[in-house]
Amino acid sequence: PADDGGIRALAALRNEVEAAAETRDDLLAEYRAAVAAGPLSAEVEALQSIKGCGFALAAAFASEVGDFSRFRSGRQVTSYFGLAPKQRSSADSVRLGGISGAGDALVR
């Protein structure tokens, strides 16, 4: 015999997941429209060309950086977010350590 209570519970959970996914899609569409109309739309678009960088990450990164012209290089940007490795050097030796972890954890 089938467990009707379990089947109903599973159907209810499936409906909840589908409703949450629909809400997420609606919010993401609103977010995309707001970014497209905003001053950082070109930066967000450019960041998405980086492998593994989707819309949400690109938008968060661009909004955190704001004015990209304040950085002279990519190394400065990575240092700002704590993504550049620590470096120790002496004479002919250069050793790289872990990242500092400074900056915005959402972007990192």
C-alpha atoms as a PDB file:
ATOM      1  CA  PRO A   1       0.000   0.000   0.000  1.00  0.00           C
ATOM      2  CA  ALA A   2       1.181   3.501  -0.820  1.00  0.00           C
ATOM      3  CA  ASP A   3       1.874   5.984   1.934  1.00  0.00           C
ATOM      4  CA  ASP A   4      -0.641   8.693   0.966  1.00  0.00           C
ATOM      5  CA  GLY A   5       0.583  11.040   3.706  1.00  0.00           C
ATOM      6  CA  GLY A   6       4.152  10.795   2.457  1.00  0.00           C
ATOM      7  CA  ILE A   7       3.085  11.338  -1.132  1.00  0.00           C
ATOM      8  CA  ARG A   8       1.057  14.417  -0.150  1.00  0.00           C
ATOM      9  CA  ALA A   9       3.963  15.786   1.903  1.00  0.00           C
ATOM     10  CA  LEU A  10       6.368  15.245  -0.989  1.00  0.00           C
ATOM     11  CA  ALA A  11       3.956  16.981  -3.401  1.00  0.00           C
ATOM     12  CA  ALA A  12       3.606  19.923  -0.999  1.00  0.00           C
ATOM     13  CA  LEU A  13       7.379  20.223  -0.698  1.00  0.00           C
ATOM     14  CA  ARG A  14       7.768  20.093  -4.482  1.00  0.00           C
ATOM     15  CA  ASN A  15       5.228  22.912  -4.804  1.00  0.00           C
ATOM     16  CA  GLU A  16       7.137  24.985  -2.232  1.00  0.00           C
ATOM     17  CA  VAL A  17      10.418  24.462  -4.093  1.00  0.00           C
ATOM     18  CA  GLU A  18       8.821  25.422  -7.401  1.00  0.00           C
ATOM     19  CA  ALA A  19       7.290  28.576  -5.857  1.00  0.00           C
ATOM     20  CA  ALA A  20      10.656  29.555  -4.330  1.00  0.00           C
ATOM     21  CA  ALA A  21      12.396  29.039  -7.674  1.00  0.00           C
ATOM     22  CA  GLU A  22       9.807  31.216  -9.391  1.00  0.00           C
ATOM     23  CA  THR A  23      10.258  33.955  -6.771  1.00  0.00           C
ATOM     24  CA  ARG A  24      14.041  33.730  -7.190  1.00  0.00           C
ATOM     25  CA  ASP A  25      13.712  34.049 -10.964  1.00  0.00           C
ATOM     26  CA  ASP A  26      11.462  37.108 -10.591  1.00  0.00           C
ATOM     27  CA  LEU A  27      13.892  38.783  -8.174  1.00  0.00           C
ATOM     28  CA  LEU A  28      16.847  37.992 -10.417  1.00  0.00           C
ATOM     29  CA  ALA A  29      15.023  39.533 -13.398  1.00  0.00           C
ATOM     30  CA  GLU A  30      14.401  42.704 -11.360  1.00  0.00           C
ATOM     31  CA  TYR A  31      18.046  42.754 -10.285  1.00  0.00           C
ATOM     32  CA  ARG A  32      19.235  42.367 -13.883  1.00  0.00           C
ATOM     33  CA  ALA A  33      16.968  45.217 -14.997  1.00  0.00           C
ATOM     34  CA  ALA A  34      18.219  47.490 -12.207  1.00  0.00           C
ATOM     35  CA  VAL A  35      21.861  46.750 -13.035  1.00  0.00           C
ATOM     36  CA  ALA A  36      21.278  47.243 -16.772  1.00  0.00           C
ATOM     37  CA  ALA A  37      19.797  50.686 -16.077  1.00  0.00           C
ATOM     38  CA  GLY A  38      22.551  51.630 -13.616  1.00  0.00           C
ATOM     39  CA  PRO A  39      25.952  53.256 -14.035  1.00  0.00           C
ATOM     40  CA  LEU A  40      27.921  49.983 -13.716  1.00  0.00           C
ATOM     41  CA  SER A  41      26.173  48.000 -16.450  1.00  0.00           C
ATOM     42  CA  ALA A  42      29.209  47.995 -18.767  1.00  0.00           C
ATOM     43  CA  GLU A  43      31.495  46.827 -15.964  1.00  0.00           C
ATOM     44  CA  VAL A  44      29.089  44.041 -14.978  1.00  0.00           C
ATOM     45  CA  GLU A  45      28.880  42.933 -18.602  1.00  0.00           C
ATOM     46  CA  ALA A  46      32.679  42.927 -18.959  1.00  0.00           C
ATOM     47  CA  LEU A  47      33.201  40.995 -15.721  1.00  0.00           C
ATOM     48  CA  GLN A  48      30.865  38.252 -16.941  1.00  0.00           C
ATOM     49  CA  SER A  49      33.349  37.467 -19.710  1.00  0.00           C
ATOM     50  CA  ILE A  50      35.682  36.039 -17.044  1.00  0.00           C
ATOM     51  CA  LYS A  51      35.363  32.279 -16.776  1.00  0.00           C
ATOM     52  CA  GLY A  52      33.270  31.349 -13.745  1.00  0.00           C
ATOM     53  CA  CYS A  53      31.998  34.883 -13.169  1.00  0.00           C
ATOM     54  CA  GLY A  54      28.222  34.925 -13.505  1.00  0.00           C
ATOM     55  CA  PHE A  55      25.829  37.812 -13.237  1.00  0.00           C
ATOM     56  CA  ALA A  56      25.415  37.816  -9.439  1.00  0.00           C
ATOM     57  CA  LEU A  57      29.165  37.753  -8.776  1.00  0.00           C
ATOM     58  CA  ALA A  58      29.858  40.378 -11.439  1.00  0.00           C
ATOM     59  CA  ALA A  59      27.185  42.696 -10.022  1.00  0.00           C
ATOM     60  CA  ALA A  60      28.434  42.250  -6.444  1.00  0.00           C
ATOM     61  CA  PHE A  61      32.044  42.805  -7.514  1.00  0.00           C
ATOM     62  CA  ALA A  62      31.220  45.912  -9.570  1.00  0.00           C
ATOM     63  CA  SER A  63      29.070  47.431  -6.843  1.00  0.00           C
ATOM     64  CA  GLU A  64      31.796  46.850  -4.250  1.00  0.00           C
ATOM     65  CA  VAL A  65      34.546  48.345  -6.452  1.00  0.00           C
ATOM     66  CA  GLY A  66      32.447  51.221  -7.753  1.00  0.00           C
ATOM     67  CA  ASP A  67      34.950  53.284  -9.700  1.00  0.00           C
ATOM     68  CA  PHE A  68      37.367  50.895 -11.415  1.00  0.00           C
ATOM     69  CA  SER A  69      39.648  53.750 -12.471  1.00  0.00           C
ATOM     70  CA  ARG A  70      41.001  54.034  -8.918  1.00  0.00           C
ATOM     71  CA  PHE A  71      43.002  50.848  -9.513  1.00  0.00           C
ATOM     72  CA  ARG A  72      45.985  50.890 -11.846  1.00  0.00           C
ATOM     73  CA  SER A  73      46.239  47.118 -12.229  1.00  0.00           C
ATOM     74  CA  GLY A  74      44.502  43.841 -11.630  1.00  0.00           C
ATOM     75  CA  ARG A  75      46.975  43.147  -8.829  1.00  0.00           C
ATOM     76  CA  GLN A  76      45.678  46.197  -6.956  1.00  0.00           C
ATOM     77  CA  VAL A  77      42.108  44.934  -7.310  1.00  0.00           C
ATOM     78  CA  THR A  78      43.026  41.476  -6.020  1.00  0.00           C
ATOM     79  CA  SER A  79      44.891  43.043  -3.101  1.00  0.00           C
ATOM     80  CA  TYR A  80      41.870  45.216  -2.273  1.00  0.00           C
ATOM     81  CA  PHE A  81      39.722  42.088  -1.931  1.00  0.00           C
ATOM     82  CA  GLY A  82      42.380  40.081  -0.127  1.00  0.00           C
ATOM     83  CA  LEU A  83      42.861  37.691  -3.032  1.00  0.00           C
ATOM     84  CA  ALA A  84      46.522  38.422  -3.768  1.00  0.00           C
ATOM     85  CA  PRO A  85      48.914  35.965  -2.108  1.00  0.00           C
ATOM     86  CA  LYS A  86      51.290  37.194   0.552  1.00  0.00           C
ATOM     87  CA  GLN A  87      54.807  37.418  -0.797  1.00  0.00           C
ATOM     88  CA  ARG A  88      58.146  37.006   0.955  1.00  0.00           C
ATOM     89  CA  SER A  89      61.328  37.580  -0.959  1.00  0.00           C
ATOM     90  CA  SER A  90      65.015  37.676  -0.187  1.00  0.00           C
ATOM     91  CA  ALA A  91      67.862  37.863  -2.670  1.00  0.00           C
ATOM     92  CA  ASP A  92      66.941  35.414  -5.438  1.00  0.00           C
ATOM     93  CA  SER A  93      64.069  33.703  -3.619  1.00  0.00           C
ATOM     94  CA  VAL A  94      60.394  34.605  -3.857  1.00  0.00           C
ATOM     95  CA  ARG A  95      57.877  32.675  -1.758  1.00  0.00           C
ATOM     96  CA  LEU A  96      54.136  33.086  -2.061  1.00  0.00           C
ATOM     97  CA  GLY A  97      51.887  32.442   0.910  1.00  0.00           C
ATOM     98  CA  GLY A  98      48.149  32.266   1.379  1.00  0.00           C
ATOM     99  CA  ILE A  99      45.710  35.046   0.634  1.00  0.00           C
ATOM    100  CA  SER A 100      45.164  37.649   3.317  1.00  0.00           C
ATOM    101  CA  GLY A 101      41.373  37.327   3.304  1.00  0.00           C
ATOM    102  CA  ALA A 102      40.892  41.078   3.743  1.00  0.00           C
ATOM    103  CA  GLY A 103      38.070  42.856   1.979  1.00  0.00           C
ATOM    104  CA  ASP A 104      34.517  41.842   1.199  1.00  0.00           C
ATOM    105  CA  ALA A 105      33.852  38.139   1.885  1.00  0.00           C
ATOM    106  CA  LEU A 106      30.828  38.162  -0.452  1.00  0.00           C
ATOM    107  CA  VAL A 107      33.052  38.907  -3.427  1.00  0.00           C
ATOM    108  CA  ARG A 108      35.859  36.626  -2.283  1.00  0.00           C
END
